[in-house]
Amino acid sequence: MAIVRFSPWREIDSLQKEMNRVFDNFAPYLNGEEKGIAFKPAAEMEENHEAIELKLELPGLEAKDVDVQVTAEAVAIKGERRQEVKTEEKKYDSF
């Protein structure tokens, strides 16, 4: 068994490389290049003689909030979930 000298700097360098890799994966979102994180909903597709049916699970969205565009090559589905944020101002009595 060989004796290996412990170097904390090697461990820190390894950690830094791993953190850089993680942030590189999220760079488009952090730099504002993307407006939001893509969500891939659960989907079912069924084809019959008359049509192709596509069913999606879109929790928190109503049909009016979803934009569906169909072309010969693809189907594009876009939607935006909005949340209302209510804040209450608390008044504190002074003593």
Protein backbone atom coordinates (compact mmCIF):
# COMPACT_ATOMS: atom_id res chain seq x y z
CA MET A 1 0.00 0.00 0.00
CA ALA A 2 1.41 3.33 -1.06
CA ILE A 3 1.45 6.31 1.25
CA VAL A 4 -0.39 9.28 -0.24
CA ARG A 5 0.23 12.75 1.07
CA PHE A 6 -2.98 14.59 1.98
CA SER A 7 -3.36 17.91 0.22
CA PRO A 8 -6.36 20.04 1.21
CA TRP A 9 -5.77 22.23 -1.83
CA ARG A 10 -6.40 19.30 -4.15
CA GLU A 11 -9.76 18.72 -2.43
CA ILE A 12 -10.66 22.41 -2.72
CA ASP A 13 -9.68 22.41 -6.40
CA SER A 14 -11.87 19.37 -7.01
CA LEU A 15 -14.79 21.04 -5.23
CA GLN A 16 -14.30 24.23 -7.25
CA LYS A 17 -14.35 22.30 -10.53
CA GLU A 18 -17.56 20.54 -9.52
CA MET A 19 -19.23 23.82 -8.51
CA ASN A 20 -18.17 25.43 -11.82
CA ARG A 21 -19.74 22.50 -13.68
CA VAL A 22 -23.02 22.93 -11.78
CA PHE A 23 -23.17 26.69 -12.41
CA ASP A 24 -22.25 26.25 -16.08
CA ASN A 25 -25.35 24.09 -16.49
CA PHE A 26 -27.53 26.90 -15.11
CA ALA A 27 -25.69 29.80 -16.76
CA PRO A 28 -28.41 30.64 -19.33
CA TYR A 29 -30.94 31.02 -16.52
CA LEU A 30 -28.64 33.07 -14.30
CA ASN A 31 -27.64 35.46 -17.09
CA GLY A 32 -31.23 36.18 -18.07
CA GLU A 33 -30.93 34.51 -21.47
CA GLU A 34 -33.88 32.30 -20.60
CA LYS A 35 -37.10 33.77 -19.26
CA GLY A 36 -37.94 30.73 -17.19
CA ILE A 37 -37.07 27.18 -16.55
CA ALA A 38 -38.69 24.78 -18.99
CA PHE A 39 -41.27 22.46 -17.54
CA LYS A 40 -41.97 19.13 -19.20
CA PRO A 41 -45.43 17.95 -18.19
CA ALA A 42 -46.61 14.36 -18.16
CA ALA A 43 -48.19 13.61 -21.53
CA GLU A 44 -50.17 10.89 -23.27
CA MET A 45 -50.60 10.66 -27.03
CA GLU A 46 -53.09 8.45 -28.83
CA GLU A 47 -53.63 8.15 -32.55
CA ASN A 48 -56.78 6.84 -34.21
CA HIS A 49 -58.21 6.98 -37.75
CA GLU A 50 -59.62 10.47 -37.28
CA ALA A 51 -57.18 12.36 -35.10
CA ILE A 52 -54.19 12.41 -32.82
CA GLU A 53 -55.07 13.14 -29.19
CA LEU A 54 -52.54 14.71 -26.88
CA LYS A 55 -53.33 14.89 -23.17
CA LEU A 56 -51.15 16.93 -20.82
CA GLU A 57 -51.09 17.41 -17.07
CA LEU A 58 -50.80 21.15 -16.50
CA PRO A 59 -51.52 21.80 -12.82
CA GLY A 60 -52.39 25.39 -12.01
CA LEU A 61 -53.22 26.29 -15.62
CA GLU A 62 -56.56 26.72 -17.31
CA ALA A 63 -57.15 26.03 -21.01
CA LYS A 64 -57.32 29.79 -21.72
CA ASP A 65 -53.78 30.21 -20.33
CA VAL A 66 -52.28 27.68 -22.76
CA ASP A 67 -51.13 28.55 -26.30
CA VAL A 68 -51.03 25.57 -28.70
CA GLN A 69 -49.45 25.88 -32.15
CA VAL A 70 -49.56 22.96 -34.59
CA THR A 71 -47.46 22.67 -37.74
CA ALA A 72 -46.73 19.76 -40.06
CA GLU A 73 -43.45 19.14 -38.21
CA ALA A 74 -44.25 19.83 -34.57
CA VAL A 75 -46.64 20.84 -31.81
CA ALA A 76 -45.60 23.76 -29.61
CA ILE A 77 -47.35 24.27 -26.28
CA LYS A 78 -46.68 27.35 -24.17
CA GLY A 79 -48.19 28.51 -20.93
CA GLU A 80 -47.36 30.68 -17.97
CA ARG A 81 -48.47 30.06 -14.44
CA ARG A 82 -49.05 33.26 -12.52
CA GLN A 83 -49.41 33.61 -8.80
CA GLU A 84 -50.92 36.46 -6.91
CA VAL A 85 -48.89 37.50 -3.94
CA LYS A 86 -50.81 39.14 -1.15
CA THR A 87 -48.93 40.95 1.55
CA GLU A 88 -50.42 42.30 4.70
CA GLU A 89 -48.95 45.26 6.46
CA LYS A 90 -48.74 44.63 10.15
CA LYS A 91 -49.05 47.57 12.45
CA TYR A 92 -47.22 47.46 15.69
CA ASP A 93 -48.23 49.51 18.69
CA SER A 94 -45.43 51.36 20.37
CA PHE A 95 -45.14 51.13 24.13
